[in-house]
Amino acid sequence: MSKDLSAVSLDFESPREHNLPSSKQDSSASKLARFLPRWRGQDDKQAAFTSTPETAYLSGSSSKDINVDRDRKDGDDTSVDEVDKLKKFYEPIAAYEGRHRFDPTAQWTEQEEKTLVRRLDYKICAWVCFMFFALQLDRGNITQALSDNMLDDLHLTTNDFNNGQNIFYVSFLLAELPSQLISKKLGPDNWIPIQMVCWSIVACSQSRITGRSTFFLTRSLLGIIEGGFIPDVILYLSYFYKSKELPIRLSYFWGAYCLTSIVSAFLAFGILHLRGHNGMAGWQWLFALEGALTAVIGIVSWFYLPPSPTETKSRFCGKNGWFTEREEIIMVNRILRDDPSKGDMHNRQAVTPRLLWEALKDYDMWPIYLLGLTWTIPSTPATSYLTLILKSLDFSTFTTNLLTIPAYSLFLAQLVFWTWFSEKINNRFLIVLFCQIWMLPLLVALEVLPGGSAYQWSRYALNALLVGYPYVHAIIVAMTSRNAGSVRTRTVGSALYNMFVQTSNIISSNIYRTADAPLYRTGNKVLLGLVVYNMVLIVSVKAYYIWRNTEREKKWNAMSSDEKSVYLATTTDKGNKRLDFRFAH
């Protein structure tokens, strides 16, 4: 009873690379990274790996999992040999945090997995969204502050505001990769709460800015500390979710961004009424109170976040942890069978300079980075200037903040729907292209619409639809993670993509200029040109990935089963350079 190993290997979407660290590397982990979990009450002890009748569950099966014959008779070693081969190719490194739960013979039912994923949504994804709420509250409340005459109080111009935003985005951009490398060394569960508490202090201090210099200083510090938060969170979520589960969770993540815009509008409506209390302006109260809220969320996150699915025991989360042994086995093996490369590094293992360079020169990832540079620009000025645009249309401060809610509500609905739909039809760049098609007629209308109070509500509707466009960021970020093919490229790639997106924010913050206000005719012409450029770029990137997959498919199909087995056993190709790797598009 023989089996074709190549058929078994193809059940894995992204076969792992064999990058086993030496014991010397493992023992060189920083004392800080070891101390932090103990200080907050983390008490997980990893057991040595054993495969016992208790861990080898044979009832039910998971889809697209290891294809091993369970009906062998006594003396028939074929299935045992296949399991040994699978372990050789796909078992995680000894230092991997879930190594003691790895079992190539484990099986589970589809319902068991769905139940576990729902629990992960409640316990991990929901809290991550709450943390992103805190991030957006502190970096986005500058929009509400503008509606309370902050620029006039500080004797600043629109160009000063643009320069402040440039400083913020440059600082944010430069901090992305260093923050991600620190996170990979200390663990996102340690580093993210530290970031949150630090930036909340700066956020509160914005209530004491007195002019241009202090405005620029606080924007820079806020960008430096917040930079890296988003790729840190993406890396953290990849420890818990499979590649096809990640996009919709990222849509929830950016949905929190949208909900923050809605909630913050209501908060601003109330807080800005405090203008005059204790001699402070409304925008000063806004920065102080919302910064304090973030500090509380950051402190709770420090004690709440577990390092991995098998490390949930702590004084805060309970001595027994969140999951049973069987549930931990399911979580570890489902992740490794979906993407075995996640077992190549443990969650406290730093990315070395050599691995960093290998990730940086991965040319297959650069089309996505290039897309990140421009795809958001056509809508960003309208989003950043929405309150100023509404104020220029003679709406009051409080009406202005309330009128942003419909736009952000549409944004949220489109974000979740299109992310889900892209996975449903298995066509991601089609939705990314639709995003640009959505914006094209709106920008044309804004360009040709006459000024004057007679067109006040028409201009508001166009800007609201532009702000509420199909936001495909979650789709592209998930593709970045999926197409990386290895932990080191995923770590670096997430940061690089976000660096390009932050660069696009710098570009977009200079498109609407003071001399062009309030209709921004010149700025809208620039945005129209970028929409056309983006449409050509999106089609080109999709064509590139289709070509790459087609070329690999030809080479792979031309190999015999034995040749495929030899390739898997001897290849030096790593991550997304392997012949059996396929790019998502």
Protein backbone atom coordinates (compact mmCIF):
# COMPACT_ATOMS: atom_id res chain seq x y z
CA MET A 1 0.00 0.00 0.00
CA SER A 2 2.14 2.86 -1.27
CA LYS A 3 1.41 6.55 -1.35
CA ASP A 4 2.73 9.47 -3.38
CA LEU A 5 4.52 11.90 -1.10
CA SER A 6 4.13 14.73 -3.60
CA ALA A 7 0.36 14.47 -3.23
CA VAL A 8 0.79 14.74 0.52
CA SER A 9 3.06 17.76 0.26
CA LEU A 10 0.61 19.63 -1.93
CA ASP A 11 -1.94 19.56 0.87
CA PHE A 12 0.19 22.28 2.45
CA GLU A 13 -0.25 25.73 1.00
CA SER A 14 3.20 27.09 1.87
CA PRO A 15 5.83 24.45 2.68
CA ARG A 16 8.34 25.50 5.30
CA GLU A 17 11.98 26.35 4.86
CA HIS A 18 14.50 24.54 7.02
CA ASN A 19 16.07 27.38 8.94
CA LEU A 20 16.77 25.69 12.25
CA PRO A 21 18.58 27.93 14.73
CA SER A 22 21.50 26.53 16.65
CA SER A 23 21.32 25.97 20.37
CA LYS A 24 23.73 28.85 20.72
CA GLN A 25 21.25 31.13 18.99
CA ASP A 26 18.46 29.92 21.23
CA SER A 27 20.45 30.54 24.40
CA SER A 28 21.29 34.10 23.34
CA ALA A 29 17.73 35.40 23.83
CA SER A 30 17.78 38.63 25.76
CA LYS A 31 17.23 38.58 29.50
CA LEU A 32 14.59 41.24 29.00
CA ALA A 33 12.54 39.04 26.67
CA ARG A 34 12.64 36.26 29.25
CA PHE A 35 11.93 38.53 32.20
CA LEU A 36 8.88 40.38 30.87
CA PRO A 37 6.48 37.39 30.73
CA ARG A 38 7.42 36.36 34.29
CA TRP A 39 6.98 39.91 35.57
CA ARG A 40 3.40 40.07 34.29
CA GLY A 41 2.55 36.58 35.59
CA GLN A 42 3.08 34.40 32.52
CA ASP A 43 3.66 30.88 33.84
CA ASP A 44 3.45 28.52 30.85
CA LYS A 45 5.93 25.67 30.87
CA GLN A 46 6.51 23.94 27.55
CA ALA A 47 6.54 20.18 27.81
CA ALA A 48 8.75 17.91 25.74
CA PHE A 49 7.05 16.64 22.59
CA THR A 50 5.48 13.22 22.77
CA SER A 51 3.04 11.51 20.47
CA THR A 52 0.71 9.46 22.61
CA PRO A 53 -2.75 7.93 22.22
CA GLU A 54 -4.06 10.99 24.08
CA THR A 55 -2.62 13.40 21.49
CA ALA A 56 -3.19 11.34 18.35
CA TYR A 57 -6.88 12.07 17.80
CA LEU A 58 -8.30 9.95 15.02
CA SER A 59 -11.97 10.90 15.11
CA GLY A 60 -13.08 13.13 12.26
CA SER A 61 -10.82 15.01 9.87
CA SER A 62 -9.95 18.53 8.91
CA SER A 63 -10.16 19.69 5.32
CA LYS A 64 -6.95 19.91 3.28
CA ASP A 65 -4.93 18.36 6.09
CA ILE A 66 -2.32 15.59 6.10
CA ASN A 67 -3.39 12.77 3.83
CA VAL A 68 -2.27 9.69 5.76
CA ASP A 69 -3.96 6.28 5.72
CA ARG A 70 -5.50 5.60 9.15
CA ASP A 71 -6.63 2.07 8.26
CA ARG A 72 -3.24 0.35 8.31
CA LYS A 73 -3.05 -3.17 9.72
CA ASP A 74 -0.56 -4.44 12.28
CA GLY A 75 2.83 -4.82 10.62
CA ASP A 76 1.98 -2.33 7.83
CA ASP A 77 4.48 0.51 8.29
CA THR A 78 3.58 2.55 5.23
CA SER A 79 1.53 5.15 7.09
CA VAL A 80 4.16 5.38 9.81
CA ASP A 81 6.79 6.05 7.16
CA GLU A 82 4.65 8.77 5.63
CA VAL A 83 4.17 10.44 8.99
CA ASP A 84 7.94 10.30 9.52
CA LYS A 85 8.47 11.92 6.13
CA LEU A 86 5.94 14.63 6.93
CA LYS A 87 7.63 15.27 10.25
CA LYS A 88 10.98 15.55 8.50
CA PHE A 89 9.71 18.14 6.04
CA TYR A 90 7.22 20.06 8.16
CA GLU A 91 7.78 19.75 11.90
CA PRO A 92 8.67 23.02 13.65
CA ILE A 93 12.06 23.82 15.14
CA ALA A 94 12.72 22.59 18.67
CA ALA A 95 12.46 26.12 20.08
CA TYR A 96 9.06 26.83 18.50
CA GLU A 97 6.63 27.82 21.26
CA GLY A 98 4.04 25.24 20.18
CA ARG A 99 6.50 22.40 19.52
CA HIS A 100 5.17 20.30 22.39
CA ARG A 101 1.72 20.31 20.72
CA PHE A 102 2.89 19.39 17.21
CA ASP A 103 1.42 16.05 16.10
CA PRO A 104 1.26 15.04 12.40
CA THR A 105 -1.30 12.32 13.26
CA ALA A 106 -3.76 14.71 14.94
CA GLN A 107 -7.24 15.06 13.47
CA TRP A 108 -10.30 17.06 14.45
CA THR A 109 -13.77 17.87 13.19
CA GLU A 110 -14.68 20.95 11.24
CA GLN A 111 -17.07 22.01 14.02
CA GLU A 112 -14.30 21.82 16.62
CA GLU A 113 -12.14 24.13 14.53
CA LYS A 114 -14.97 26.61 13.93
CA THR A 115 -15.69 26.72 17.66
CA LEU A 116 -12.03 27.41 18.42
CA VAL A 117 -11.81 30.16 15.80
CA ARG A 118 -14.86 31.85 17.31
CA ARG A 119 -13.17 31.77 20.71
CA LEU A 120 -10.05 33.28 19.18
CA ASP A 121 -12.22 36.02 17.69
CA TYR A 122 -13.65 36.86 21.10
CA LYS A 123 -10.42 36.61 23.06
CA ILE A 124 -7.74 37.79 20.59
CA CYS A 125 -9.22 39.56 17.58
CA ALA A 126 -11.73 41.62 19.57
CA TRP A 127 -9.06 42.89 21.97
CA VAL A 128 -6.66 43.65 19.10
CA CYS A 129 -9.43 45.74 17.52
CA PHE A 130 -9.89 47.53 20.84
CA MET A 131 -6.17 48.35 20.89
CA PHE A 132 -6.41 49.72 17.35
CA PHE A 133 -9.33 51.82 18.55
CA ALA A 134 -6.89 53.39 21.02
CA LEU A 135 -4.29 53.99 18.30
CA GLN A 136 -6.73 55.70 15.97
CA LEU A 137 -8.25 57.70 18.81
CA ASP A 138 -4.89 59.32 19.56
CA ARG A 139 -3.59 59.76 16.03
CA GLY A 140 -6.94 60.76 14.53
CA ASN A 141 -8.36 63.19 17.07
CA ILE A 142 -6.34 65.95 15.42
CA THR A 143 -9.24 66.06 12.92
CA GLN A 144 -11.78 66.89 15.64
CA ALA A 145 -9.34 69.34 17.21
CA LEU A 146 -9.25 71.28 13.93
CA SER A 147 -13.01 71.76 14.08
CA ASP A 148 -12.56 73.53 17.46
CA ASN A 149 -10.39 76.29 15.96
CA MET A 150 -7.13 74.71 17.13
CA LEU A 151 -5.18 76.29 14.28
CA ASP A 152 -6.46 79.76 15.13
CA ASP A 153 -5.75 79.30 18.85
CA LEU A 154 -2.14 78.34 18.09
CA HIS A 155 -1.75 80.90 15.25
CA LEU A 156 -1.05 78.11 12.75
CA THR A 157 -1.93 77.95 9.04
CA THR A 158 -3.14 75.04 6.94
CA ASN A 159 0.41 74.70 5.62
CA ASP A 160 1.70 74.45 9.21
CA PHE A 161 -0.80 71.66 9.75
CA ASN A 162 0.42 69.94 6.56
CA ASN A 163 4.01 70.21 7.76
CA GLY A 164 3.03 68.77 11.14
CA GLN A 165 1.34 65.84 9.42
CA ASN A 166 4.43 65.35 7.24
CA ILE A 167 6.59 65.21 10.37
CA PHE A 168 4.21 62.69 11.93
CA TYR A 169 4.18 60.45 8.86
CA VAL A 170 7.95 60.60 8.35
CA SER A 171 8.51 59.71 12.02
CA PHE A 172 5.89 56.95 11.79
CA LEU A 173 7.51 55.63 8.61
CA LEU A 174 11.06 55.59 9.99
CA ALA A 175 9.93 53.77 13.14
CA GLU A 176 8.05 50.98 11.31
CA LEU A 177 10.90 48.56 10.63
CA PRO A 178 12.89 49.12 13.87
CA SER A 179 9.68 48.65 15.86
CA GLN A 180 8.89 45.42 14.01
CA LEU A 181 12.38 44.06 14.70
CA ILE A 182 12.05 44.92 18.39
CA SER A 183 8.64 43.28 18.44
CA LYS A 184 10.03 40.10 16.90
CA LYS A 185 12.72 39.98 19.61
CA LEU A 186 10.60 40.84 22.66
CA GLY A 187 7.32 39.44 21.33
CA PRO A 188 4.32 41.53 20.18
CA ASP A 189 2.51 40.70 23.42
CA ASN A 190 5.23 42.59 25.31
CA TRP A 191 6.09 45.36 22.89
CA ILE A 192 2.60 46.51 21.85
CA PRO A 193 1.42 47.47 25.39
CA ILE A 194 4.72 49.30 25.99
CA GLN A 195 4.11 51.30 22.81
CA MET A 196 0.56 52.14 23.86
CA VAL A 197 1.45 53.51 27.28
CA CYS A 198 4.33 55.56 25.86
CA TRP A 199 2.32 57.17 23.09
CA SER A 200 -0.60 57.88 25.46
CA ILE A 201 1.77 60.08 27.50
CA VAL A 202 2.65 62.07 24.38
CA ALA A 203 -1.02 62.19 23.35
CA CYS A 204 -1.95 63.76 26.68
CA SER A 205 0.92 66.24 26.42
CA GLN A 206 -0.62 67.63 23.21
CA SER A 207 -3.06 69.46 25.46
CA ARG A 208 -0.19 71.76 26.49
CA ILE A 209 1.18 72.69 23.06
CA THR A 210 1.57 76.45 22.63
CA GLY A 211 2.66 76.99 19.04
CA ARG A 212 4.37 75.69 15.95
CA SER A 213 7.47 74.19 17.64
CA THR A 214 5.60 72.21 20.29
CA PHE A 215 3.04 71.12 17.70
CA PHE A 216 5.82 69.75 15.49
CA LEU A 217 7.56 68.10 18.48
CA THR A 218 4.50 66.21 19.68
CA ARG A 219 3.62 65.09 16.15
CA SER A 220 7.13 63.68 15.74
CA LEU A 221 7.14 61.84 19.09
CA LEU A 222 3.68 60.44 18.44
CA GLY A 223 4.79 59.10 15.05
CA ILE A 224 7.99 57.53 16.42
CA ILE A 225 6.19 55.67 19.20
CA GLU A 226 3.12 54.63 17.20
CA GLY A 227 5.19 53.50 14.21
CA GLY A 228 5.26 49.73 13.90
CA PHE A 229 2.05 49.13 15.84
CA ILE A 230 0.11 47.92 12.78
CA PRO A 231 2.71 45.42 11.44
CA ASP A 232 3.30 44.29 15.05
CA VAL A 233 -0.38 43.43 15.34
CA ILE A 234 -0.45 41.69 11.94
CA LEU A 235 2.48 39.51 13.02
CA TYR A 236 0.71 38.75 16.30
CA LEU A 237 -2.54 37.74 14.59
CA SER A 238 -0.63 35.42 12.24
CA TYR A 239 0.29 33.30 15.29
CA PHE A 240 -3.41 32.47 15.79
CA TYR A 241 -5.07 32.51 12.33
CA LYS A 242 -4.66 30.67 9.04
CA SER A 243 -3.89 32.60 5.86
CA LYS A 244 -7.49 32.48 4.58
CA GLU A 245 -8.85 33.54 7.98
CA LEU A 246 -6.59 36.56 8.29
CA PRO A 247 -8.14 38.95 5.70
CA ILE A 248 -11.58 39.14 7.31
CA ARG A 249 -9.97 39.57 10.77
CA LEU A 250 -7.90 42.41 9.36
CA SER A 251 -11.11 43.94 8.03
CA TYR A 252 -12.45 43.84 11.60
CA PHE A 253 -9.16 45.41 12.66
CA TRP A 254 -9.53 48.31 10.25
CA GLY A 255 -13.21 48.32 11.02
CA ALA A 256 -12.15 49.42 14.49
CA TYR A 257 -10.44 52.35 12.75
CA CYS A 258 -13.76 53.30 11.22
CA LEU A 259 -15.70 52.75 14.44
CA THR A 260 -13.19 54.97 16.17
CA SER A 261 -13.99 57.73 13.71
CA ILE A 262 -17.69 57.34 14.52
CA VAL A 263 -17.24 57.03 18.29
CA SER A 264 -14.68 59.83 18.40
CA ALA A 265 -17.13 62.11 16.60
CA PHE A 266 -19.63 61.57 19.44
CA LEU A 267 -16.89 61.93 22.05
CA ALA A 268 -15.70 65.13 20.42
CA PHE A 269 -19.25 66.46 20.35
CA GLY A 270 -19.35 66.20 24.15
CA ILE A 271 -15.73 66.94 25.06
CA LEU A 272 -15.42 70.03 22.87
CA HIS A 273 -18.27 71.56 24.89
CA LEU A 274 -15.78 71.75 27.77
CA ARG A 275 -14.12 74.76 26.11
CA GLY A 276 -13.56 77.38 28.79
CA HIS A 277 -13.52 74.99 31.76
CA ASN A 278 -10.35 75.47 33.84
CA GLY A 279 -9.14 77.90 31.20
CA MET A 280 -8.67 75.13 28.61
CA ALA A 281 -9.91 75.00 25.03
CA GLY A 282 -12.11 72.12 23.92
CA TRP A 283 -9.33 70.60 21.81
CA GLN A 284 -7.04 70.58 24.88
CA TRP A 285 -9.61 68.58 26.84
CA LEU A 286 -9.92 66.27 23.85
CA PHE A 287 -6.21 65.40 23.79
CA ALA A 288 -5.96 65.02 27.58
CA LEU A 289 -8.98 62.78 28.13
CA GLU A 290 -8.57 60.53 25.10
CA GLY A 291 -4.85 60.10 25.81
CA ALA A 292 -5.66 58.99 29.36
CA LEU A 293 -8.13 56.41 28.03
CA THR A 294 -5.41 54.92 25.82
CA ALA A 295 -3.07 54.61 28.81
CA VAL A 296 -5.65 52.50 30.63
CA ILE A 297 -6.14 50.23 27.59
CA GLY A 298 -2.37 49.81 27.25
CA ILE A 299 -1.90 48.80 30.89
CA VAL A 300 -4.70 46.22 30.70
CA SER A 301 -3.24 44.88 27.42
CA TRP A 302 0.08 44.25 29.16
CA PHE A 303 -1.54 41.72 31.47
CA TYR A 304 -4.08 40.37 28.99
CA LEU A 305 -2.24 39.46 25.76
CA PRO A 306 -0.91 35.87 25.61
CA PRO A 307 2.30 35.20 23.64
CA SER A 308 0.81 32.32 21.61
CA PRO A 309 -2.08 29.79 21.57
CA THR A 310 -0.15 27.50 23.95
CA GLU A 311 0.91 30.24 26.40
CA THR A 312 -2.31 31.60 27.88
CA LYS A 313 -1.70 30.76 31.54
CA SER A 314 -1.10 33.81 33.75
CA ARG A 315 -2.26 35.38 36.96
CA PHE A 316 -4.53 37.64 34.92
CA CYS A 317 -6.00 35.03 32.54
CA GLY A 318 -6.14 32.14 35.00
CA LYS A 319 -3.76 29.39 36.10
CA ASN A 320 -5.37 26.89 33.70
CA GLY A 321 -5.22 29.18 30.70
CA TRP A 322 -7.87 29.59 28.03
CA PHE A 323 -7.58 26.28 26.21
CA THR A 324 -7.40 22.56 26.95
CA GLU A 325 -4.53 20.38 25.74
CA ARG A 326 -6.63 19.07 22.86
CA GLU A 327 -7.59 22.59 21.81
CA GLU A 328 -3.94 23.65 21.85
CA ILE A 329 -3.05 20.65 19.67
CA ILE A 330 -5.72 21.64 17.17
CA MET A 331 -4.59 25.27 17.10
CA VAL A 332 -0.89 24.48 16.64
CA ASN A 333 -1.36 21.83 13.97
CA ARG A 334 -3.96 23.71 11.96
CA ILE A 335 -1.63 26.72 11.75
CA LEU A 336 1.40 24.62 10.74
CA ARG A 337 -0.54 22.62 8.16
CA ASP A 338 -1.80 25.85 6.60
CA ASP A 339 1.65 27.49 6.62
CA PRO A 340 4.51 25.30 7.91
CA SER A 341 6.94 28.24 7.64
CA LYS A 342 5.42 29.63 10.84
CA GLY A 343 7.31 26.88 12.68
CA ASP A 344 10.68 28.15 11.46
CA MET A 345 11.12 30.73 14.21
CA HIS A 346 9.86 31.02 17.76
CA ASN A 347 8.01 34.15 18.84
CA ARG A 348 11.00 35.60 20.71
CA GLN A 349 13.56 34.98 17.96
CA ALA A 350 15.09 38.10 16.43
CA VAL A 351 15.50 38.65 12.70
CA THR A 352 19.26 38.70 12.08
CA PRO A 353 20.90 41.19 9.67
CA ARG A 354 21.34 38.39 7.11
CA LEU A 355 17.67 37.44 7.27
CA LEU A 356 16.73 41.12 7.11
CA TRP A 357 18.75 41.56 3.92
CA GLU A 358 17.20 38.44 2.37
CA ALA A 359 13.73 39.82 3.09
CA LEU A 360 14.59 43.27 1.72
CA LYS A 361 15.83 41.89 -1.61
CA ASP A 362 12.78 39.68 -2.16
CA TYR A 363 11.77 41.12 -5.54
CA ASP A 364 8.46 39.25 -5.61
CA MET A 365 7.18 41.41 -2.76
CA TRP A 366 8.06 44.76 -4.30
CA PRO A 367 5.02 45.00 -6.60
CA ILE A 368 2.84 45.07 -3.49
CA TYR A 369 5.08 47.67 -1.84
CA LEU A 370 4.87 49.82 -4.97
CA LEU A 371 1.08 49.57 -4.90
CA GLY A 372 1.09 50.68 -1.26
CA LEU A 373 2.77 53.91 -2.31
CA THR A 374 -0.20 55.28 -4.26
CA TRP A 375 -3.46 53.35 -3.97
CA THR A 376 -4.80 55.28 -0.93
CA ILE A 377 -3.82 58.77 -2.11
CA PRO A 378 -6.99 59.65 -4.10
CA SER A 379 -9.18 59.42 -0.98
CA THR A 380 -6.76 60.52 1.75
CA PRO A 381 -7.01 64.33 1.29
CA ALA A 382 -10.80 64.18 1.55
CA THR A 383 -10.51 62.04 4.70
CA SER A 384 -7.90 64.30 6.34
CA TYR A 385 -9.66 67.54 5.39
CA LEU A 386 -13.26 66.43 5.82
CA THR A 387 -13.91 68.59 8.89
CA LEU A 388 -12.13 71.60 7.35
CA ILE A 389 -14.09 71.15 4.11
CA LEU A 390 -17.36 70.99 6.05
CA LYS A 391 -16.40 74.06 8.09
CA SER A 392 -15.65 75.93 4.86
CA LEU A 393 -19.18 75.02 3.72
CA ASP A 394 -20.49 77.00 6.73
CA PHE A 395 -21.50 74.05 8.93
CA SER A 396 -21.06 74.63 12.68
CA THR A 397 -18.37 72.88 14.74
CA PHE A 398 -20.78 70.35 16.22
CA THR A 399 -22.74 69.75 13.00
CA THR A 400 -19.43 69.17 11.22
CA ASN A 401 -18.45 66.36 13.60
CA LEU A 402 -21.85 64.70 13.34
CA LEU A 403 -21.83 64.90 9.54
CA THR A 404 -18.69 62.74 9.42
CA ILE A 405 -20.60 59.76 10.84
CA PRO A 406 -22.47 58.70 7.64
CA ALA A 407 -19.20 58.69 5.69
CA TYR A 408 -17.41 56.48 8.21
CA SER A 409 -20.43 54.19 8.51
CA LEU A 410 -20.32 53.58 4.75
CA PHE A 411 -16.55 53.06 5.01
CA LEU A 412 -17.04 50.34 7.65
CA ALA A 413 -19.73 48.50 5.70
CA GLN A 414 -17.67 48.48 2.50
CA LEU A 415 -14.49 47.44 4.30
CA VAL A 416 -15.99 44.29 5.79
CA PHE A 417 -18.09 43.35 2.77
CA TRP A 418 -15.41 43.67 0.08
CA THR A 419 -12.77 41.91 2.19
CA TRP A 420 -15.13 38.98 2.68
CA PHE A 421 -16.14 39.04 -1.00
CA SER A 422 -12.53 38.99 -2.23
CA GLU A 423 -11.96 35.67 -0.44
CA LYS A 424 -15.35 34.38 -1.57
CA ILE A 425 -14.51 34.83 -5.25
CA ASN A 426 -10.77 34.23 -4.70
CA ASN A 427 -9.89 37.37 -6.66
CA ARG A 428 -8.26 40.11 -4.62
CA PHE A 429 -6.89 42.54 -7.18
CA LEU A 430 -10.28 42.77 -8.88
CA ILE A 431 -11.65 44.34 -5.69
CA VAL A 432 -8.57 46.57 -5.39
CA LEU A 433 -9.27 47.78 -8.93
CA PHE A 434 -12.93 48.42 -8.10
CA CYS A 435 -11.76 50.70 -5.28
CA GLN A 436 -10.17 53.02 -7.86
CA ILE A 437 -13.19 52.80 -10.19
CA TRP A 438 -15.38 53.94 -7.28
CA MET A 439 -13.31 57.10 -6.73
CA LEU A 440 -12.97 58.15 -10.38
CA PRO A 441 -16.47 59.66 -11.01
CA LEU A 442 -16.54 61.26 -7.53
CA LEU A 443 -13.31 63.16 -8.18
CA VAL A 444 -14.55 64.20 -11.62
CA ALA A 445 -17.73 65.56 -10.04
CA LEU A 446 -15.79 67.46 -7.34
CA GLU A 447 -13.61 68.98 -10.04
CA VAL A 448 -16.48 70.31 -12.18
CA LEU A 449 -19.05 71.14 -9.45
CA PRO A 450 -19.47 74.93 -9.09
CA GLY A 451 -18.79 76.60 -5.76
CA GLY A 452 -21.34 78.48 -3.67
CA SER A 453 -23.87 77.69 -1.00
CA ALA A 454 -26.35 76.30 -3.54
CA TYR A 455 -24.10 73.25 -3.94
CA GLN A 456 -23.28 72.86 -0.24
CA TRP A 457 -25.04 69.54 0.29
CA SER A 458 -23.94 68.15 -3.09
CA ARG A 459 -20.29 68.78 -2.20
CA TYR A 460 -20.84 67.19 1.21
CA ALA A 461 -22.38 64.07 -0.39
CA LEU A 462 -19.48 63.70 -2.84
CA ASN A 463 -16.87 64.04 -0.10
CA ALA A 464 -18.79 61.61 2.14
CA LEU A 465 -18.88 59.01 -0.65
CA LEU A 466 -15.17 59.55 -1.28
CA VAL A 467 -14.34 59.02 2.40
CA GLY A 468 -16.62 55.97 2.49
CA TYR A 469 -14.92 54.28 -0.47
CA PRO A 470 -14.17 50.50 -0.64
CA TYR A 471 -11.15 50.34 1.67
CA VAL A 472 -9.03 47.38 0.51
CA HIS A 473 -6.14 47.80 2.93
CA ALA A 474 -7.00 44.57 4.77
CA ILE A 475 -6.97 42.66 1.47
CA ILE A 476 -3.53 43.95 0.48
CA VAL A 477 -2.02 43.49 3.94
CA ALA A 478 -3.25 39.89 4.04
CA MET A 479 -1.72 39.31 0.59
CA THR A 480 1.56 40.71 1.87
CA SER A 481 1.52 38.24 4.75
CA ARG A 482 0.42 35.31 2.58
CA ASN A 483 2.86 35.99 -0.28
CA ALA A 484 5.82 36.36 2.08
CA GLY A 485 6.18 32.59 2.45
CA SER A 486 8.41 32.80 5.54
CA VAL A 487 8.37 34.36 9.00
CA ARG A 488 11.34 36.65 8.34
CA THR A 489 9.85 38.01 5.09
CA ARG A 490 6.45 38.34 6.75
CA THR A 491 8.01 40.30 9.61
CA VAL A 492 9.93 42.65 7.34
CA GLY A 493 7.36 42.74 4.54
CA SER A 494 4.51 43.91 6.77
CA ALA A 495 6.68 46.77 8.00
CA LEU A 496 7.89 47.71 4.49
CA TYR A 497 4.38 47.74 3.06
CA ASN A 498 3.21 50.02 5.86
CA MET A 499 6.25 52.25 5.31
CA PHE A 500 5.17 52.72 1.70
CA VAL A 501 1.61 53.46 2.85
CA GLN A 502 2.92 56.07 5.30
CA THR A 503 4.94 57.58 2.47
CA SER A 504 1.71 57.85 0.50
CA ASN A 505 0.23 59.78 3.43
CA ILE A 506 3.10 62.24 3.24
CA ILE A 507 2.43 62.72 -0.47
CA SER A 508 -1.32 63.07 0.01
CA SER A 509 -0.98 65.63 2.81
CA ASN A 510 0.65 68.02 0.31
CA ILE A 511 -1.96 67.78 -2.43
CA TYR A 512 -4.57 70.09 -0.92
CA ARG A 513 -2.83 73.45 -0.37
CA THR A 514 -4.02 76.65 1.32
CA ALA A 515 -3.93 78.63 -1.94
CA ASP A 516 -6.18 76.01 -3.55
CA ALA A 517 -8.89 76.16 -0.85
CA PRO A 518 -11.81 75.69 -0.51
CA LEU A 519 -12.59 73.85 -3.79
CA TYR A 520 -9.07 72.40 -4.32
CA ARG A 521 -9.38 72.32 -8.11
CA THR A 522 -5.67 71.74 -8.71
CA GLY A 523 -5.49 69.06 -6.03
CA ASN A 524 -8.40 67.16 -7.54
CA LYS A 525 -6.71 67.13 -10.96
CA VAL A 526 -3.66 65.49 -9.35
CA LEU A 527 -5.89 62.92 -7.67
CA LEU A 528 -7.58 62.06 -10.97
CA GLY A 529 -4.20 61.40 -12.57
CA LEU A 530 -3.24 59.11 -9.69
CA VAL A 531 -6.48 57.12 -10.03
CA VAL A 532 -5.66 56.35 -13.66
CA TYR A 533 -2.07 55.43 -12.74
CA ASN A 534 -3.31 53.13 -9.96
CA MET A 535 -5.66 51.30 -12.31
CA VAL A 536 -2.80 50.53 -14.72
CA LEU A 537 -0.53 49.47 -11.83
CA ILE A 538 -3.11 47.14 -10.27
CA VAL A 539 -3.68 45.29 -13.56
CA SER A 540 0.09 45.02 -14.05
CA VAL A 541 0.73 43.59 -10.57
CA LYS A 542 -1.98 40.98 -10.99
CA ALA A 543 -0.55 40.01 -14.39
CA TYR A 544 2.90 39.64 -12.82
CA TYR A 545 1.70 37.21 -10.13
CA ILE A 546 -0.31 35.21 -12.65
CA TRP A 547 2.82 34.91 -14.82
CA ARG A 548 4.97 33.84 -11.84
CA ASN A 549 2.46 31.14 -10.84
CA THR A 550 2.10 29.89 -14.41
CA GLU A 551 5.86 29.50 -14.86
CA ARG A 552 6.19 27.57 -11.61
CA GLU A 553 3.20 25.40 -12.42
CA LYS A 554 4.83 24.34 -15.69
CA LYS A 555 8.07 23.37 -13.95
CA TRP A 556 6.28 21.58 -11.09
CA ASN A 557 3.95 19.59 -13.34
CA ALA A 558 6.88 18.54 -15.52
CA MET A 559 8.45 16.74 -12.55
CA SER A 560 7.66 13.14 -11.66
CA SER A 561 6.51 12.16 -8.18
CA ASP A 562 10.00 10.98 -7.29
CA GLU A 563 11.53 14.21 -8.57
CA LYS A 564 9.10 16.22 -6.49
CA SER A 565 10.03 14.21 -3.41
CA VAL A 566 13.75 14.73 -4.07
CA TYR A 567 13.14 18.46 -4.60
CA LEU A 568 11.30 18.75 -1.27
CA ALA A 569 14.10 16.90 0.51
CA THR A 570 17.08 18.68 -1.04
CA THR A 571 16.03 22.13 -2.27
CA THR A 572 17.76 25.24 -1.00
CA ASP A 573 14.88 27.42 -2.24
CA LYS A 574 13.17 29.19 0.63
CA GLY A 575 9.78 30.73 1.29
CA ASN A 576 8.09 32.15 -1.79
CA LYS A 577 10.99 31.07 -4.02
CA ARG A 578 10.03 27.38 -3.79
CA LEU A 579 8.57 25.77 -6.90
CA ASP A 580 5.52 24.55 -4.95
CA PHE A 581 4.68 28.05 -3.64
CA ARG A 582 1.86 29.98 -5.33
CA PHE A 583 1.22 33.71 -4.98
CA ALA A 584 -2.20 35.00 -3.98
CA HIS A 585 -3.66 37.59 -6.33
